[in-house]
Protein backbone atom coordinates (compact mmCIF):
# COMPACT_ATOMS: atom_id res chain seq x y z
CA UNK A 1 39.91 59.36 79.19
CA UNK A 2 39.64 57.10 82.36
CA UNK A 3 39.09 58.26 85.75
CA UNK A 4 41.89 56.35 87.39
CA UNK A 5 44.38 58.47 84.46
CA UNK A 6 42.42 61.38 84.76
CA UNK A 7 42.92 61.13 88.57
CA UNK A 8 47.41 60.15 88.48
CA UNK A 9 47.57 63.68 85.56
CA UNK A 10 45.64 65.87 87.99
CA UNK A 11 47.26 64.81 91.26
CA UNK A 12 50.60 65.62 88.76
CA UNK A 13 49.42 68.92 87.59
CA UNK A 14 48.70 69.62 91.31
CA UNK A 15 51.91 68.82 93.11
CA UNK A 16 53.90 70.09 90.20
CA UNK A 17 52.52 73.33 90.43
CA UNK A 18 52.38 73.60 94.21
CA UNK A 19 56.19 72.79 94.41
CA UNK A 20 56.84 75.26 91.28
CA UNK A 21 55.22 77.53 93.89
CA UNK A 22 58.08 77.58 96.47
CA UNK A 23 60.70 77.51 93.69
CA UNK A 24 59.78 80.66 91.98
CA UNK A 25 61.34 84.22 92.24
CA UNK A 26 59.00 86.26 91.06
CA UNK A 27 55.65 86.24 92.83
CA UNK A 28 53.60 86.92 90.36
CA UNK A 29 54.44 83.83 89.31
CA UNK A 30 54.16 81.56 92.26
CA UNK A 31 50.57 83.50 92.45
CA UNK A 32 49.51 82.23 89.14
CA UNK A 33 51.21 78.49 89.69
CA UNK A 34 49.08 78.83 93.48
CA UNK A 35 46.03 78.87 90.61
CA UNK A 36 46.63 75.95 88.01
CA UNK A 37 47.59 74.39 91.93
CA UNK A 38 44.38 75.29 92.84
CA UNK A 39 42.13 74.19 89.51
CA UNK A 40 44.24 70.94 89.65
CA UNK A 41 42.70 70.24 92.63
CA UNK A 42 39.19 71.25 91.37
CA UNK A 43 39.64 68.95 88.72
CA UNK A 44 40.26 65.89 91.16
CA UNK A 45 37.22 67.04 93.17
CA UNK A 46 35.25 66.70 89.75
CA UNK A 47 36.72 63.14 89.07
CA UNK A 48 35.88 62.41 92.93
CA UNK A 49 32.16 62.91 92.02
CA UNK A 50 32.41 66.06 94.31
CA UNK A 51 31.25 69.01 91.74
CA UNK A 52 30.08 71.27 95.18
CA UNK A 53 33.70 71.11 96.41
CA UNK A 54 34.99 71.77 93.52
CA UNK A 55 33.00 74.83 92.45
CA UNK A 56 33.71 76.09 96.08
CA UNK A 57 37.16 74.90 95.43
CA UNK A 58 37.21 77.37 92.64
CA UNK A 59 35.26 80.02 93.69
CA UNK A 60 36.38 80.92 96.91
CA UNK A 61 40.00 79.55 96.73
CA UNK A 62 41.32 80.67 93.08
CA UNK A 63 38.57 83.34 92.80
CA UNK A 64 38.37 85.61 95.96
CA UNK A 65 41.82 84.33 98.13
CA UNK A 66 44.65 84.30 94.89
CA UNK A 67 43.28 87.98 94.15
CA UNK A 68 43.36 88.32 97.66
CA UNK A 69 47.16 87.22 97.19
CA UNK A 70 47.84 88.72 93.89
CA UNK A 71 46.36 92.39 95.36
CA UNK A 72 48.70 92.15 97.91
CA UNK A 73 51.72 91.23 95.93
CA UNK A 74 50.61 94.14 93.34
CA UNK A 75 50.19 96.33 96.77
CA UNK A 76 54.05 95.65 97.99
CA UNK A 77 55.23 96.35 94.65
CA UNK A 78 57.35 93.19 94.99
CA UNK A 79 58.38 92.28 91.25
CA UNK A 80 61.37 89.74 92.75
CA UNK A 81 62.53 87.64 95.37
CA UNK A 82 66.54 88.74 95.77
CA UNK A 83 68.25 88.83 98.94
CA UNK A 84 70.00 92.58 98.16
CA UNK A 85 67.90 94.56 100.18
CA UNK A 86 66.67 91.86 103.43
CA UNK A 87 68.84 92.99 107.01
CA UNK A 88 70.66 90.33 108.20
CA UNK A 89 69.30 92.29 111.76
CA UNK A 90 65.95 91.48 110.47
CA UNK A 91 64.15 90.03 114.37
CA UNK A 92 62.24 87.34 111.42
CA UNK A 93 65.92 86.41 111.20
CA UNK A 94 66.59 85.60 114.84
CA UNK A 95 67.63 81.68 115.85
CA UNK A 96 64.20 81.76 118.57
CA UNK A 97 62.35 82.63 115.67
CA UNK A 98 63.77 79.70 113.58
CA UNK A 99 63.47 77.14 115.87
CA UNK A 100 59.18 79.08 116.81
CA UNK A 101 58.57 78.37 112.51
CA UNK A 102 59.89 74.38 112.88
CA UNK A 103 57.76 73.81 115.74
CA UNK A 104 55.19 74.82 114.10
CA UNK A 105 55.97 72.37 111.05
CA UNK A 106 56.48 69.65 113.75
CA UNK A 107 52.90 69.91 115.19
CA UNK A 108 51.39 70.19 112.05
CA UNK A 109 53.01 67.32 110.84
CA UNK A 110 51.85 65.73 114.11
CA UNK A 111 47.94 67.14 113.35
CA UNK A 112 47.60 65.88 109.12
CA UNK A 113 49.31 62.07 111.27
CA UNK A 114 47.54 62.11 113.52
CA UNK A 115 43.80 62.98 111.06
CA UNK A 116 45.19 60.29 108.53
CA UNK A 117 44.46 57.87 111.02
CA UNK A 118 41.60 58.83 112.82
CA UNK A 119 39.99 59.05 109.78
CA UNK A 120 41.40 55.22 108.49
CA UNK A 121 39.38 54.47 111.73
CA UNK A 122 36.21 55.84 110.81
CA UNK A 123 37.00 54.97 107.37
CA UNK A 124 36.82 51.27 108.94
CA UNK A 125 32.78 49.95 108.80
CA UNK A 126 32.10 48.85 112.52
CA UNK A 127 29.33 46.09 113.15
CA UNK A 128 25.76 46.85 113.67
CA UNK A 129 27.21 50.38 112.53
CA UNK A 130 25.36 52.52 109.69
CA UNK A 131 27.88 53.76 107.52
CA UNK A 132 28.32 57.94 108.22
CA UNK A 133 25.39 60.38 106.66
CA UNK A 134 25.81 61.79 102.94
CA UNK A 135 24.95 65.15 103.52
CA UNK A 136 22.99 65.13 99.74
CA UNK A 137 21.53 68.37 99.37
CA UNK A 138 23.94 72.09 99.30
CA UNK A 139 20.90 73.30 102.34
CA UNK A 140 22.33 70.40 104.16
CA UNK A 141 25.79 70.95 103.85
CA UNK A 142 25.41 74.11 104.22
CA UNK A 143 23.64 73.64 107.84
CA UNK A 144 26.44 71.06 109.21
CA UNK A 145 29.19 74.06 107.83
CA UNK A 146 27.71 76.73 109.51
CA UNK A 147 26.42 75.71 112.62
CA UNK A 148 28.83 73.40 113.93
CA UNK A 149 31.63 75.10 112.11
CA UNK A 150 31.13 78.83 112.34
CA UNK A 151 33.82 79.87 114.13
CA UNK A 152 36.72 77.90 112.04
CA UNK A 153 35.71 80.06 109.31
CA UNK A 154 35.51 83.15 111.65
CA UNK A 155 39.34 82.27 112.78
CA UNK A 156 40.05 81.87 109.13
CA UNK A 157 39.07 85.17 107.90
CA UNK A 158 40.54 86.74 110.78
CA UNK A 159 44.24 84.75 110.57
CA UNK A 160 44.34 85.88 106.38
CA UNK A 161 43.06 89.54 107.41
CA UNK A 162 46.29 89.80 110.10
CA UNK A 163 48.68 87.86 107.31
CA UNK A 164 47.84 91.07 105.12
CA UNK A 165 48.11 93.51 107.26
CA UNK A 166 51.18 91.64 108.30
CA UNK A 167 52.75 91.25 105.29
CA UNK A 168 52.32 95.27 104.16
CA UNK A 169 54.13 95.66 107.77
CA UNK A 170 57.04 93.96 107.09
CA UNK A 171 57.83 95.18 103.17
CA UNK A 172 56.76 99.18 104.56
CA UNK A 173 59.79 100.74 103.31
CA UNK A 174 60.82 103.50 106.15
CA UNK A 175 62.50 106.62 104.96
CA UNK A 176 65.36 108.35 105.98
CA UNK A 177 64.29 111.46 105.65
């Protein structure tokens, strides 16, 4: 199968699985479809000749993060998402929270647009300047990631921990005894 066809097949699979993640009413199916999406992304990385990133994608995301999500879903014992138990006076239903979420979504779009524009500018060859250096070894990649971007890894781990604790607190059933 030619690489371009494989690229489009894996891209379509990733997009379809990601769309189905949002559309599922059962959280377990969403977790499993997210694993399919991550596997398709790993396949895309292999097609783009980045096997290390593909393996990191599978080990870190499909392995560790998705197991964490699966345990949280099982811990919350949420077999199906229906609106029957949702309190309309819940603080998360407040219009200010909805506006804040919309603001964060807008900021995400601005950041993505800025990143794409910046990536296109960096991709343009400049006269008299050599192309960007290619990291050829895993040791160099680790050194670059953990020396320059160590804070991002730590912040991500704290963010995931806070999200998990928040999910447990929000889904906690109060005893009315």
